[in-house]
Amino acid sequence: MEIIWTIIIGAIVGLVAKFIMPGKDPGGFIITPLIGIGGAIVAKYLGQAVGIYDPGQPAGFIGSVIGAIIILVIYRVIRQKSAPSA
């Protein structure tokens, strides 16, 4: 049951991150939850590195959204560098 909740919360976090940072990003019902879940992972480890979260403590909702936004920014930077210049 924990996996299902993770996917649901990941989808919500991914949607919120895409709403805050609109643009041409990968989407769909599979990629959006993965962005949200990835955001939670990024937030957890960055939060532990700077002392916000204790080891083993999961990231909160806002931290997960910030992590998802970081993933979207990195995606856009990589996509922009790989796109041919016109």
N, C-alpha and C. Protein backbone atom coordinates (compact mmCIF):
# COMPACT_ATOMS: atom_id res chain seq x y z
N MET A 1 0.82 -1.19 0.00
CA MET A 1 0.00 0.00 0.00
C MET A 1 0.87 1.26 0.00
N GLU A 2 2.05 1.17 0.60
CA GLU A 2 2.95 2.32 0.65
C GLU A 2 3.38 2.76 -0.75
N ILE A 3 3.59 1.81 -1.65
CA ILE A 3 3.99 2.12 -3.03
C ILE A 3 2.89 2.90 -3.72
N ILE A 4 1.65 2.51 -3.51
CA ILE A 4 0.52 3.21 -4.15
C ILE A 4 0.44 4.64 -3.65
N TRP A 5 0.59 4.86 -2.35
CA TRP A 5 0.57 6.22 -1.81
C TRP A 5 1.75 7.04 -2.34
N THR A 6 2.89 6.41 -2.49
CA THR A 6 4.06 7.10 -3.04
C THR A 6 3.77 7.58 -4.45
N ILE A 7 3.16 6.75 -5.26
CA ILE A 7 2.83 7.11 -6.64
C ILE A 7 1.80 8.23 -6.66
N ILE A 8 0.79 8.14 -5.81
CA ILE A 8 -0.26 9.17 -5.77
C ILE A 8 0.32 10.51 -5.34
N ILE A 9 1.08 10.51 -4.26
CA ILE A 9 1.69 11.76 -3.78
C ILE A 9 2.70 12.27 -4.81
N GLY A 10 3.45 11.38 -5.45
CA GLY A 10 4.39 11.77 -6.50
C GLY A 10 3.68 12.45 -7.65
N ALA A 11 2.50 11.93 -8.03
CA ALA A 11 1.73 12.55 -9.11
C ALA A 11 1.27 13.94 -8.72
N ILE A 12 0.82 14.10 -7.49
CA ILE A 12 0.37 15.41 -7.02
C ILE A 12 1.53 16.39 -6.98
N VAL A 13 2.67 15.94 -6.45
CA VAL A 13 3.86 16.80 -6.38
C VAL A 13 4.31 17.17 -7.78
N GLY A 14 4.33 16.21 -8.70
CA GLY A 14 4.72 16.49 -10.09
C GLY A 14 3.80 17.50 -10.74
N LEU A 15 2.50 17.37 -10.51
CA LEU A 15 1.54 18.32 -11.07
C LEU A 15 1.74 19.72 -10.50
N VAL A 16 1.95 19.81 -9.20
CA VAL A 16 2.17 21.13 -8.56
C VAL A 16 3.45 21.76 -9.11
N ALA A 17 4.51 20.98 -9.24
CA ALA A 17 5.77 21.51 -9.77
C ALA A 17 5.60 21.99 -11.20
N LYS A 18 4.88 21.25 -12.02
CA LYS A 18 4.65 21.67 -13.40
C LYS A 18 3.75 22.90 -13.47
N PHE A 19 2.83 23.02 -12.52
CA PHE A 19 1.96 24.20 -12.47
C PHE A 19 2.76 25.44 -12.09
N ILE A 20 3.67 25.30 -11.12
CA ILE A 20 4.49 26.42 -10.67
C ILE A 20 5.47 26.82 -11.77
N MET A 21 5.97 25.85 -12.52
CA MET A 21 6.99 26.09 -13.53
C MET A 21 6.48 25.60 -14.88
N PRO A 22 5.55 26.35 -15.50
CA PRO A 22 4.99 25.88 -16.77
C PRO A 22 6.02 25.95 -17.89
N GLY A 23 5.81 25.16 -18.87
CA GLY A 23 6.70 25.13 -20.02
C GLY A 23 6.62 23.79 -20.70
N LYS A 24 7.45 23.61 -21.69
CA LYS A 24 7.45 22.36 -22.45
C LYS A 24 8.37 21.36 -21.75
N ASP A 25 7.77 20.52 -20.94
CA ASP A 25 8.49 19.49 -20.19
C ASP A 25 7.87 18.15 -20.51
N PRO A 26 8.60 17.07 -20.20
CA PRO A 26 7.99 15.76 -20.43
C PRO A 26 6.74 15.62 -19.57
N GLY A 27 5.75 14.98 -20.08
CA GLY A 27 4.50 14.88 -19.33
C GLY A 27 3.90 13.50 -19.47
N GLY A 28 2.68 13.40 -19.10
CA GLY A 28 1.98 12.13 -19.16
C GLY A 28 1.75 11.57 -17.78
N PHE A 29 0.94 10.56 -17.73
CA PHE A 29 0.56 9.99 -16.44
C PHE A 29 1.65 9.11 -15.84
N ILE A 30 2.72 8.85 -16.59
CA ILE A 30 3.83 8.08 -16.03
C ILE A 30 4.98 9.00 -15.63
N ILE A 31 5.31 9.96 -16.48
CA ILE A 31 6.45 10.85 -16.22
C ILE A 31 6.17 11.81 -15.08
N THR A 32 4.97 12.35 -14.98
CA THR A 32 4.65 13.31 -13.93
C THR A 32 4.84 12.74 -12.52
N PRO A 33 4.32 11.54 -12.21
CA PRO A 33 4.61 10.97 -10.89
C PRO A 33 6.09 10.68 -10.68
N LEU A 34 6.80 10.29 -11.75
CA LEU A 34 8.23 10.04 -11.61
C LEU A 34 8.99 11.32 -11.27
N ILE A 35 8.56 12.44 -11.85
CA ILE A 35 9.17 13.73 -11.51
C ILE A 35 8.91 14.05 -10.04
N GLY A 36 7.68 13.81 -9.57
CA GLY A 36 7.35 14.06 -8.17
C GLY A 36 8.11 13.15 -7.22
N ILE A 37 8.21 11.88 -7.55
CA ILE A 37 8.96 10.93 -6.71
C ILE A 37 10.44 11.29 -6.72
N GLY A 38 10.95 11.63 -7.89
CA GLY A 38 12.35 12.06 -7.98
C GLY A 38 12.59 13.32 -7.18
N GLY A 39 11.61 14.23 -7.19
CA GLY A 39 11.72 15.46 -6.40
C GLY A 39 11.79 15.17 -4.91
N ALA A 40 11.04 14.18 -4.45
CA ALA A 40 11.09 13.80 -3.04
C ALA A 40 12.47 13.22 -2.68
N ILE A 41 13.02 12.45 -3.60
CA ILE A 41 14.34 11.86 -3.35
C ILE A 41 15.40 12.96 -3.32
N VAL A 42 15.34 13.88 -4.28
CA VAL A 42 16.29 15.00 -4.31
C VAL A 42 16.16 15.82 -3.03
N ALA A 43 14.94 16.13 -2.63
CA ALA A 43 14.72 16.95 -1.43
C ALA A 43 15.22 16.23 -0.18
N LYS A 44 15.01 14.93 -0.12
CA LYS A 44 15.45 14.17 1.05
C LYS A 44 16.97 14.25 1.21
N TYR A 45 17.70 13.96 0.14
CA TYR A 45 19.16 13.92 0.25
C TYR A 45 19.77 15.31 0.36
N LEU A 46 19.22 16.29 -0.36
CA LEU A 46 19.72 17.66 -0.19
C LEU A 46 19.40 18.19 1.21
N GLY A 47 18.20 17.86 1.70
CA GLY A 47 17.82 18.28 3.05
C GLY A 47 18.69 17.65 4.12
N GLN A 48 19.06 16.39 3.94
CA GLN A 48 19.96 15.74 4.89
C GLN A 48 21.36 16.33 4.80
N ALA A 49 21.79 16.70 3.60
CA ALA A 49 23.13 17.26 3.42
C ALA A 49 23.28 18.62 4.11
N VAL A 50 22.21 19.41 4.12
CA VAL A 50 22.29 20.73 4.76
C VAL A 50 21.74 20.74 6.18
N GLY A 51 21.27 19.58 6.66
CA GLY A 51 20.84 19.47 8.05
C GLY A 51 19.38 19.77 8.32
N ILE A 52 18.56 19.85 7.27
CA ILE A 52 17.13 20.11 7.46
C ILE A 52 16.42 18.84 7.93
N TYR A 53 16.78 17.71 7.33
CA TYR A 53 16.17 16.43 7.68
C TYR A 53 17.19 15.54 8.38
N ASP A 54 16.71 14.74 9.31
CA ASP A 54 17.54 13.74 9.97
C ASP A 54 17.66 12.52 9.07
N PRO A 55 18.71 11.71 9.23
CA PRO A 55 18.81 10.48 8.44
C PRO A 55 17.57 9.60 8.64
N GLY A 56 17.04 9.12 7.54
CA GLY A 56 15.85 8.28 7.59
C GLY A 56 14.55 9.05 7.58
N GLN A 57 14.59 10.36 7.71
CA GLN A 57 13.38 11.18 7.71
C GLN A 57 13.03 11.55 6.27
N PRO A 58 11.77 11.32 5.85
CA PRO A 58 11.40 11.67 4.47
C PRO A 58 11.21 13.17 4.31
N ALA A 59 11.30 13.62 3.08
CA ALA A 59 11.09 15.03 2.78
C ALA A 59 9.61 15.34 2.89
N GLY A 60 9.30 16.57 3.23
CA GLY A 60 7.92 17.01 3.29
C GLY A 60 7.38 17.35 1.91
N PHE A 61 6.12 17.73 1.87
CA PHE A 61 5.46 18.03 0.59
C PHE A 61 6.12 19.21 -0.10
N ILE A 62 6.36 20.29 0.63
CA ILE A 62 6.96 21.48 0.03
C ILE A 62 8.38 21.18 -0.44
N GLY A 63 9.14 20.45 0.36
CA GLY A 63 10.48 20.06 -0.04
C GLY A 63 10.46 19.20 -1.30
N SER A 64 9.48 18.32 -1.41
CA SER A 64 9.36 17.47 -2.59
C SER A 64 9.04 18.29 -3.83
N VAL A 65 8.18 19.30 -3.67
CA VAL A 65 7.86 20.18 -4.81
C VAL A 65 9.12 20.93 -5.24
N ILE A 66 9.89 21.43 -4.28
CA ILE A 66 11.13 22.13 -4.61
C ILE A 66 12.10 21.18 -5.31
N GLY A 67 12.20 19.95 -4.85
CA GLY A 67 13.05 18.96 -5.50
C GLY A 67 12.60 18.67 -6.93
N ALA A 68 11.27 18.59 -7.15
CA ALA A 68 10.75 18.36 -8.50
C ALA A 68 11.05 19.55 -9.40
N ILE A 69 10.98 20.76 -8.87
CA ILE A 69 11.32 21.95 -9.65
C ILE A 69 12.80 21.92 -10.03
N ILE A 70 13.65 21.47 -9.11
CA ILE A 70 15.08 21.33 -9.42
C ILE A 70 15.27 20.36 -10.57
N ILE A 71 14.55 19.25 -10.56
CA ILE A 71 14.65 18.28 -11.65
C ILE A 71 14.21 18.91 -12.97
N LEU A 72 13.12 19.68 -12.95
CA LEU A 72 12.65 20.32 -14.17
C LEU A 72 13.65 21.35 -14.69
N VAL A 73 14.29 22.09 -13.79
CA VAL A 73 15.31 23.06 -14.20
C VAL A 73 16.49 22.34 -14.86
N ILE A 74 16.94 21.26 -14.23
CA ILE A 74 18.06 20.50 -14.80
C ILE A 74 17.67 19.94 -16.17
N TYR A 75 16.46 19.44 -16.31
CA TYR A 75 15.99 18.93 -17.59
C TYR A 75 16.02 20.02 -18.65
N ARG A 76 15.55 21.21 -18.31
CA ARG A 76 15.52 22.30 -19.28
C ARG A 76 16.92 22.75 -19.67
N VAL A 77 17.85 22.78 -18.72
CA VAL A 77 19.23 23.17 -19.03
C VAL A 77 19.85 22.14 -19.98
N ILE A 78 19.67 20.87 -19.69
CA ILE A 78 20.23 19.82 -20.56
C ILE A 78 19.59 19.87 -21.94
N ARG A 79 18.28 20.05 -21.99
CA ARG A 79 17.57 20.10 -23.26
C ARG A 79 18.01 21.31 -24.08
N GLN A 80 18.22 22.44 -23.41
CA GLN A 80 18.62 23.65 -24.12
C GLN A 80 20.03 23.51 -24.69
N LYS A 81 20.93 22.87 -23.97
CA LYS A 81 22.30 22.67 -24.46
C LYS A 81 22.36 21.69 -25.61
N SER A 82 21.47 20.70 -25.61
CA SER A 82 21.50 19.67 -26.66
C SER A 82 20.71 20.09 -27.91
N ALA A 83 19.88 21.13 -27.79
CA ALA A 83 19.10 21.58 -28.94
C ALA A 83 20.00 22.34 -29.90
N PRO A 84 19.82 22.10 -31.20
CA PRO A 84 20.64 22.82 -32.17
C PRO A 84 20.26 24.31 -32.19
N SER A 85 21.25 25.17 -32.34
CA SER A 85 21.00 26.61 -32.38
C SER A 85 20.49 26.99 -33.77
N ALA A 86 19.54 27.91 -33.78
CA ALA A 86 18.96 28.34 -35.05
C ALA A 86 19.53 29.66 -35.50
